[in-house]
Each structure stands twice: as structure tokens, then as C-alpha cells.
Amino acid sequence: MAAKNSYFYGLGRRKSATARARLMGGKGAITINDKSAEEYLDGNKTLLAELTDPLALIGKQKDFDVSLVIRGGGTSGQVGAAKNAISRAIAEMDETLRGTLKKAGLMKRDPREVERKKYGLRGARKREQFSKR
């Protein structure tokens, strides 16, 4: 775990959100766009727990400080992107943990996107109600 930098970098994406993560040695503080994670996510415990999944999986929540820069998307997509970014930063730090993260499904980008609205329809697939007469 010899560090060439003072941090490890990871890039994650989900829906239309992009997250850049920096993993540094510390005491477990997570900052998102220069705010604490609790403040940024309005104290949403579910999203906070989901955000720390990669660190919890390897059992090092209190060993690293995470700095995130997130752009685009909504809160759910942003947390998914952040999770992916943190996982990639961990894999860059220690290649032996890559398999563990991969089995948990944290290394792969979730490819699901919102389907575009089509003309003549109410949404992507919803149609007007059929009238026989």
C-alpha cells in the first residue's frame, strides 16, 4: 500500500450523475461538494448507509477520509455514482480487494438510464386510452 500520491482517486457514474472520489488516510469523515455527507444528504440514514457500503465491506470506515465532488442527477443517482467512485478508489489503493468489491457488485457501473419520451405518447411508453367508438 505504498502511496505515490497522498490520496487514491476513483471516478463513478450512475444515471446522469458523475462522482469523483479522493480516498485519504484519516478518521472516517466524508465530505460531498465541501459539505459533510449528513448535511448534503439532509440526514437521510438510508442513503448515508448506502454511501459507506464499499468501506463497510472491507471494514475500514474509520480508517479513511473520503472527499467527493458530485455533478448532475438526483440524490439516488449521486449516491450510486459516489459508491462506484469510492469502490474504484479502494481498488486502486489495494488490488487484492478488487475481487471482493466485484463480487458485491460495486465495481460495475449500473447501465440503467431513463428512456426518452416518444412523440405521440404521454411518456416513454404510455399511450392514450383506446376507444373503440
N, C-alpha and C. Protein backbone atom coordinates (compact mmCIF):
# COMPACT_ATOMS: atom_id res chain seq x y z
N MET A 1 0.83 -1.19 0.00
CA MET A 1 0.00 0.00 0.00
C MET A 1 0.87 1.25 0.00
N ALA A 2 1.94 1.22 -0.78
CA ALA A 2 2.82 2.37 -0.90
C ALA A 2 2.13 3.46 -1.72
N ALA A 3 2.01 4.63 -1.14
CA ALA A 3 1.27 5.70 -1.81
C ALA A 3 2.22 6.58 -2.62
N LYS A 4 1.91 6.68 -3.93
CA LYS A 4 2.69 7.60 -4.77
C LYS A 4 2.13 9.01 -4.61
N ASN A 5 0.84 9.10 -4.29
CA ASN A 5 0.18 10.37 -4.01
C ASN A 5 -0.23 10.37 -2.54
N SER A 6 -0.81 11.47 -2.12
CA SER A 6 -1.34 11.50 -0.75
C SER A 6 -2.78 11.00 -0.72
N TYR A 7 -3.33 10.66 -1.90
CA TYR A 7 -4.70 10.15 -1.97
C TYR A 7 -4.83 9.15 -3.13
N PHE A 8 -5.97 8.42 -3.12
CA PHE A 8 -6.30 7.49 -4.21
C PHE A 8 -7.57 8.00 -4.88
N TYR A 9 -7.62 7.91 -6.22
CA TYR A 9 -8.70 8.54 -6.99
C TYR A 9 -9.60 7.49 -7.63
N GLY A 10 -10.90 7.79 -7.69
CA GLY A 10 -11.86 6.94 -8.38
C GLY A 10 -12.95 7.77 -9.02
N LEU A 11 -13.40 7.35 -10.20
CA LEU A 11 -14.48 8.03 -10.91
C LEU A 11 -15.66 7.08 -11.04
N GLY A 12 -16.86 7.55 -10.67
CA GLY A 12 -18.05 6.71 -10.74
C GLY A 12 -19.18 7.43 -11.43
N ARG A 13 -20.03 6.65 -12.11
CA ARG A 13 -21.19 7.24 -12.79
C ARG A 13 -22.43 6.39 -12.52
N ARG A 14 -23.59 7.07 -12.49
CA ARG A 14 -24.87 6.40 -12.33
C ARG A 14 -25.95 7.33 -12.86
N LYS A 15 -26.82 6.84 -13.75
CA LYS A 15 -27.83 7.65 -14.41
C LYS A 15 -27.14 8.86 -15.04
N SER A 16 -27.48 10.09 -14.65
CA SER A 16 -26.80 11.24 -15.24
C SER A 16 -25.88 11.93 -14.23
N ALA A 17 -25.52 11.21 -13.16
CA ALA A 17 -24.63 11.77 -12.13
C ALA A 17 -23.20 11.25 -12.32
N THR A 18 -22.24 12.12 -12.01
CA THR A 18 -20.82 11.76 -12.07
C THR A 18 -20.19 12.13 -10.74
N ALA A 19 -19.42 11.20 -10.16
CA ALA A 19 -18.76 11.45 -8.89
C ALA A 19 -17.27 11.18 -9.00
N ARG A 20 -16.47 12.09 -8.42
CA ARG A 20 -15.03 11.91 -8.34
C ARG A 20 -14.68 11.78 -6.87
N ALA A 21 -14.01 10.69 -6.52
CA ALA A 21 -13.69 10.41 -5.11
C ALA A 21 -12.19 10.46 -4.87
N ARG A 22 -11.83 11.03 -3.72
CA ARG A 22 -10.45 11.00 -3.24
C ARG A 22 -10.46 10.31 -1.90
N LEU A 23 -9.66 9.27 -1.78
CA LEU A 23 -9.58 8.46 -0.56
C LEU A 23 -8.25 8.76 0.10
N MET A 24 -8.30 9.30 1.34
CA MET A 24 -7.08 9.66 2.07
C MET A 24 -7.11 9.02 3.45
N GLY A 25 -5.96 8.82 4.01
CA GLY A 25 -5.90 8.33 5.38
C GLY A 25 -6.53 9.33 6.32
N GLY A 26 -7.30 8.88 7.30
CA GLY A 26 -7.97 9.81 8.21
C GLY A 26 -8.80 9.10 9.24
N LYS A 27 -9.91 9.74 9.63
CA LYS A 27 -10.73 9.23 10.72
C LYS A 27 -12.15 8.88 10.31
N GLY A 28 -12.44 8.82 9.02
CA GLY A 28 -13.77 8.41 8.57
C GLY A 28 -14.70 9.53 8.18
N ALA A 29 -14.18 10.73 7.97
CA ALA A 29 -15.02 11.87 7.56
C ALA A 29 -15.32 11.78 6.07
N ILE A 30 -16.58 12.03 5.70
CA ILE A 30 -16.98 12.03 4.30
C ILE A 30 -17.51 13.41 3.96
N THR A 31 -16.88 14.06 2.96
CA THR A 31 -17.35 15.37 2.51
C THR A 31 -17.80 15.26 1.07
N ILE A 32 -18.95 15.89 0.78
CA ILE A 32 -19.50 15.91 -0.57
C ILE A 32 -19.67 17.37 -0.96
N ASN A 33 -19.00 17.79 -2.03
CA ASN A 33 -19.05 19.18 -2.51
C ASN A 33 -18.83 20.18 -1.37
N ASP A 34 -17.79 19.96 -0.57
CA ASP A 34 -17.38 20.82 0.55
C ASP A 34 -18.40 20.91 1.69
N LYS A 35 -19.32 19.94 1.78
CA LYS A 35 -20.25 19.84 2.90
C LYS A 35 -20.08 18.46 3.51
N SER A 36 -20.48 18.29 4.76
CA SER A 36 -20.44 16.95 5.35
C SER A 36 -21.52 16.10 4.67
N ALA A 37 -21.32 14.79 4.65
CA ALA A 37 -22.26 13.89 3.98
C ALA A 37 -23.66 13.99 4.60
N GLU A 38 -23.74 14.12 5.94
CA GLU A 38 -25.03 14.22 6.62
C GLU A 38 -25.77 15.47 6.17
N GLU A 39 -25.04 16.59 6.07
CA GLU A 39 -25.63 17.85 5.65
C GLU A 39 -26.06 17.80 4.18
N TYR A 40 -25.23 17.22 3.34
CA TYR A 40 -25.52 17.16 1.90
C TYR A 40 -26.73 16.29 1.60
N LEU A 41 -26.87 15.16 2.32
CA LEU A 41 -27.98 14.23 2.09
C LEU A 41 -29.15 14.49 3.03
N ASP A 42 -29.17 15.64 3.69
CA ASP A 42 -30.25 16.04 4.60
C ASP A 42 -30.53 14.99 5.67
N GLY A 43 -29.50 14.34 6.16
CA GLY A 43 -29.65 13.37 7.24
C GLY A 43 -30.35 12.08 6.85
N ASN A 44 -30.47 11.77 5.56
CA ASN A 44 -31.12 10.55 5.10
C ASN A 44 -30.24 9.34 5.46
N LYS A 45 -30.66 8.60 6.47
CA LYS A 45 -29.85 7.48 7.00
C LYS A 45 -29.64 6.37 5.97
N THR A 46 -30.66 6.10 5.15
CA THR A 46 -30.57 5.03 4.15
C THR A 46 -29.50 5.36 3.12
N LEU A 47 -29.52 6.59 2.60
CA LEU A 47 -28.52 6.99 1.61
C LEU A 47 -27.13 7.07 2.21
N LEU A 48 -27.03 7.50 3.48
CA LEU A 48 -25.73 7.55 4.16
C LEU A 48 -25.14 6.15 4.33
N ALA A 49 -26.00 5.20 4.69
CA ALA A 49 -25.55 3.81 4.86
C ALA A 49 -25.11 3.23 3.52
N GLU A 50 -25.86 3.56 2.45
CA GLU A 50 -25.52 3.07 1.12
C GLU A 50 -24.20 3.66 0.64
N LEU A 51 -23.95 4.91 1.00
CA LEU A 51 -22.73 5.60 0.60
C LEU A 51 -21.48 4.94 1.19
N THR A 52 -21.60 4.43 2.41
CA THR A 52 -20.45 3.82 3.10
C THR A 52 -20.33 2.32 2.85
N ASP A 53 -21.17 1.74 1.99
CA ASP A 53 -21.13 0.30 1.70
C ASP A 53 -19.74 -0.21 1.30
N PRO A 54 -19.03 0.44 0.36
CA PRO A 54 -17.72 -0.08 -0.03
C PRO A 54 -16.72 -0.12 1.12
N LEU A 55 -16.72 0.92 1.96
CA LEU A 55 -15.80 0.95 3.10
C LEU A 55 -16.21 -0.06 4.17
N ALA A 56 -17.53 -0.24 4.36
CA ALA A 56 -18.03 -1.20 5.34
C ALA A 56 -17.69 -2.63 4.93
N LEU A 57 -17.72 -2.88 3.62
CA LEU A 57 -17.43 -4.21 3.10
C LEU A 57 -16.00 -4.66 3.43
N ILE A 58 -15.06 -3.72 3.35
CA ILE A 58 -13.66 -4.06 3.67
C ILE A 58 -13.33 -3.77 5.14
N GLY A 59 -14.31 -3.22 5.88
CA GLY A 59 -14.14 -2.98 7.32
C GLY A 59 -13.21 -1.84 7.65
N LYS A 60 -13.21 -0.78 6.86
CA LYS A 60 -12.31 0.35 7.10
C LYS A 60 -13.03 1.69 7.06
N GLN A 61 -14.22 1.76 7.69
CA GLN A 61 -14.98 3.01 7.71
C GLN A 61 -14.24 4.13 8.45
N LYS A 62 -13.52 3.78 9.49
CA LYS A 62 -12.87 4.78 10.34
C LYS A 62 -11.40 5.01 9.96
N ASP A 63 -10.91 4.35 8.91
CA ASP A 63 -9.50 4.47 8.53
C ASP A 63 -9.25 5.50 7.43
N PHE A 64 -10.30 5.89 6.70
CA PHE A 64 -10.12 6.78 5.56
C PHE A 64 -11.08 7.96 5.59
N ASP A 65 -10.58 9.10 5.12
CA ASP A 65 -11.43 10.25 4.85
C ASP A 65 -11.74 10.22 3.36
N VAL A 66 -13.00 10.51 3.01
CA VAL A 66 -13.42 10.49 1.61
C VAL A 66 -13.88 11.89 1.22
N SER A 67 -13.32 12.40 0.13
CA SER A 67 -13.73 13.68 -0.40
C SER A 67 -14.36 13.43 -1.77
N LEU A 68 -15.62 13.86 -1.93
CA LEU A 68 -16.36 13.61 -3.17
C LEU A 68 -16.76 14.92 -3.84
N VAL A 69 -16.66 14.94 -5.18
CA VAL A 69 -17.20 16.03 -5.98
C VAL A 69 -18.22 15.38 -6.90
N ILE A 70 -19.50 15.77 -6.73
CA ILE A 70 -20.58 15.14 -7.48
C ILE A 70 -21.29 16.19 -8.33
N ARG A 71 -21.55 15.84 -9.58
CA ARG A 71 -22.26 16.73 -10.50
C ARG A 71 -23.39 15.97 -11.19
N GLY A 72 -24.53 16.63 -11.41
CA GLY A 72 -25.63 16.07 -12.18
C GLY A 72 -26.47 15.08 -11.40
N GLY A 73 -27.67 14.80 -11.93
CA GLY A 73 -28.54 13.76 -11.37
C GLY A 73 -29.23 14.18 -10.09
N GLY A 74 -29.99 13.24 -9.55
CA GLY A 74 -30.68 13.42 -8.28
C GLY A 74 -29.92 12.72 -7.17
N THR A 75 -30.45 12.74 -5.96
CA THR A 75 -29.72 12.20 -4.81
C THR A 75 -29.43 10.71 -4.95
N SER A 76 -30.39 9.93 -5.42
CA SER A 76 -30.20 8.48 -5.56
C SER A 76 -29.10 8.17 -6.58
N GLY A 77 -29.14 8.83 -7.72
CA GLY A 77 -28.11 8.63 -8.74
C GLY A 77 -26.76 9.11 -8.27
N GLN A 78 -26.74 10.19 -7.51
CA GLN A 78 -25.48 10.72 -6.99
C GLN A 78 -24.84 9.76 -5.99
N VAL A 79 -25.67 9.15 -5.13
CA VAL A 79 -25.14 8.19 -4.16
C VAL A 79 -24.62 6.95 -4.87
N GLY A 80 -25.33 6.49 -5.91
CA GLY A 80 -24.86 5.35 -6.70
C GLY A 80 -23.53 5.64 -7.38
N ALA A 81 -23.39 6.85 -7.92
CA ALA A 81 -22.14 7.26 -8.57
C ALA A 81 -21.01 7.35 -7.54
N ALA A 82 -21.31 7.89 -6.37
CA ALA A 82 -20.32 8.02 -5.30
C ALA A 82 -19.84 6.65 -4.82
N LYS A 83 -20.77 5.72 -4.69
CA LYS A 83 -20.44 4.35 -4.28
C LYS A 83 -19.47 3.71 -5.26
N ASN A 84 -19.75 3.88 -6.56
CA ASN A 84 -18.90 3.36 -7.63
C ASN A 84 -17.52 4.01 -7.58
N ALA A 85 -17.48 5.32 -7.36
CA ALA A 85 -16.22 6.05 -7.30
C ALA A 85 -15.36 5.61 -6.11
N ILE A 86 -15.98 5.46 -4.95
CA ILE A 86 -15.26 5.02 -3.75
C ILE A 86 -14.70 3.61 -3.96
N SER A 87 -15.50 2.73 -4.56
CA SER A 87 -15.06 1.36 -4.84
C SER A 87 -13.84 1.34 -5.75
N ARG A 88 -13.86 2.17 -6.78
CA ARG A 88 -12.73 2.23 -7.71
C ARG A 88 -11.48 2.80 -7.05
N ALA A 89 -11.66 3.76 -6.14
CA ALA A 89 -10.52 4.31 -5.39
C ALA A 89 -9.92 3.25 -4.47
N ILE A 90 -10.77 2.43 -3.85
CA ILE A 90 -10.29 1.35 -2.98
C ILE A 90 -9.50 0.33 -3.81
N ALA A 91 -10.02 0.00 -5.00
CA ALA A 91 -9.35 -0.96 -5.88
C ALA A 91 -8.00 -0.42 -6.35
N GLU A 92 -7.91 0.89 -6.56
CA GLU A 92 -6.63 1.49 -6.93
C GLU A 92 -5.63 1.43 -5.77
N MET A 93 -6.16 1.57 -4.56
CA MET A 93 -5.32 1.54 -3.37
C MET A 93 -4.76 0.13 -3.12
N ASP A 94 -5.63 -0.88 -3.19
CA ASP A 94 -5.23 -2.26 -2.91
C ASP A 94 -5.90 -3.20 -3.91
N GLU A 95 -5.12 -3.69 -4.86
CA GLU A 95 -5.64 -4.54 -5.95
C GLU A 95 -6.22 -5.86 -5.44
N THR A 96 -5.81 -6.31 -4.26
CA THR A 96 -6.32 -7.58 -3.73
C THR A 96 -7.79 -7.48 -3.30
N LEU A 97 -8.26 -6.27 -3.01
CA LEU A 97 -9.66 -6.06 -2.60
C LEU A 97 -10.61 -5.98 -3.78
N ARG A 98 -10.07 -5.91 -4.99
CA ARG A 98 -10.88 -5.76 -6.20
C ARG A 98 -11.90 -6.90 -6.36
N GLY A 99 -11.48 -8.13 -6.11
CA GLY A 99 -12.36 -9.29 -6.23
C GLY A 99 -13.53 -9.24 -5.26
N THR A 100 -13.25 -8.81 -4.02
CA THR A 100 -14.29 -8.68 -3.01
C THR A 100 -15.33 -7.65 -3.42
N LEU A 101 -14.85 -6.51 -3.92
CA LEU A 101 -15.75 -5.44 -4.36
C LEU A 101 -16.55 -5.85 -5.59
N LYS A 102 -15.90 -6.62 -6.47
CA LYS A 102 -16.55 -7.08 -7.70
C LYS A 102 -17.69 -8.05 -7.39
N LYS A 103 -17.45 -8.97 -6.43
CA LYS A 103 -18.47 -9.95 -6.04
C LYS A 103 -19.69 -9.24 -5.42
N ALA A 104 -19.45 -8.14 -4.74
CA ALA A 104 -20.54 -7.38 -4.13
C ALA A 104 -21.26 -6.50 -5.14
N GLY A 105 -20.75 -6.44 -6.37
CA GLY A 105 -21.37 -5.67 -7.44
C GLY A 105 -21.12 -4.17 -7.36
N LEU A 106 -20.04 -3.78 -6.71
CA LEU A 106 -19.75 -2.36 -6.52
C LEU A 106 -18.81 -1.78 -7.58
N MET A 107 -18.15 -2.63 -8.36
CA MET A 107 -17.18 -2.14 -9.34
C MET A 107 -17.82 -1.82 -10.69
N LYS A 108 -19.01 -2.38 -10.94
CA LYS A 108 -19.64 -2.21 -12.24
C LYS A 108 -20.56 -0.99 -12.24
N ARG A 109 -20.53 -0.25 -13.34
CA ARG A 109 -21.42 0.90 -13.50
C ARG A 109 -22.81 0.36 -13.79
N ASP A 110 -23.82 0.87 -13.09
CA ASP A 110 -25.20 0.47 -13.34
C ASP A 110 -25.66 1.14 -14.64
N PRO A 111 -25.93 0.38 -15.71
CA PRO A 111 -26.19 0.98 -17.02
C PRO A 111 -27.61 1.51 -17.22
N ARG A 112 -28.51 1.32 -16.25
CA ARG A 112 -29.90 1.72 -16.44
C ARG A 112 -30.05 3.24 -16.51
N GLU A 113 -30.70 3.71 -17.57
CA GLU A 113 -30.93 5.14 -17.77
C GLU A 113 -32.43 5.35 -18.00
N VAL A 114 -32.88 6.58 -17.90
CA VAL A 114 -34.28 6.91 -18.17
C VAL A 114 -34.50 6.86 -19.68
N GLU A 115 -35.56 6.15 -20.09
CA GLU A 115 -35.89 6.05 -21.51
C GLU A 115 -36.52 7.36 -21.97
N ARG A 116 -36.17 7.79 -23.16
CA ARG A 116 -36.67 9.09 -23.63
C ARG A 116 -38.15 9.03 -23.97
N LYS A 117 -38.81 10.18 -23.90
CA LYS A 117 -40.22 10.30 -24.27
C LYS A 117 -40.33 10.27 -25.79
N LYS A 118 -41.34 9.52 -26.29
CA LYS A 118 -41.56 9.46 -27.74
C LYS A 118 -42.74 10.36 -28.12
N TYR A 119 -42.68 10.90 -29.33
CA TYR A 119 -43.76 11.77 -29.79
C TYR A 119 -45.04 10.95 -29.97
N GLY A 120 -46.19 11.58 -29.71
CA GLY A 120 -47.47 10.90 -29.83
C GLY A 120 -47.85 10.09 -28.61
N LEU A 121 -46.95 9.98 -27.63
CA LEU A 121 -47.21 9.22 -26.41
C LEU A 121 -47.13 10.16 -25.22
N ARG A 122 -47.68 9.70 -24.08
CA ARG A 122 -47.66 10.53 -22.87
C ARG A 122 -46.29 10.48 -22.17
N GLY A 123 -45.58 9.38 -22.35
CA GLY A 123 -44.25 9.23 -21.75
C GLY A 123 -43.40 8.42 -22.69
N ALA A 124 -42.55 7.57 -22.14
CA ALA A 124 -41.72 6.73 -22.99
C ALA A 124 -42.55 5.65 -23.67
N ARG A 125 -43.54 5.10 -22.94
CA ARG A 125 -44.35 4.01 -23.49
C ARG A 125 -45.86 4.17 -23.29
N LYS A 126 -46.27 5.01 -22.35
CA LYS A 126 -47.70 5.17 -22.05
C LYS A 126 -48.43 5.82 -23.23
N ARG A 127 -49.57 5.21 -23.60
CA ARG A 127 -50.36 5.72 -24.73
C ARG A 127 -51.66 6.32 -24.24
N GLU A 128 -52.37 6.97 -25.18
CA GLU A 128 -53.73 7.43 -24.90
C GLU A 128 -54.62 6.19 -24.77
N GLN A 129 -55.71 6.30 -24.01
CA GLN A 129 -56.61 5.18 -23.83
C GLN A 129 -57.32 4.88 -25.16
N PHE A 130 -57.36 3.60 -25.51
CA PHE A 130 -58.01 3.19 -26.77
C PHE A 130 -59.52 3.30 -26.63
N SER A 131 -60.15 3.88 -27.66
CA SER A 131 -61.61 3.98 -27.67
C SER A 131 -62.11 3.28 -28.94
N LYS A 132 -62.96 2.28 -28.76
CA LYS A 132 -63.46 1.51 -29.91
C LYS A 132 -64.47 2.34 -30.73
N ARG A 133 -65.25 3.17 -30.04
CA ARG A 133 -66.21 4.00 -30.80
C ARG A 133 -66.26 5.41 -30.31
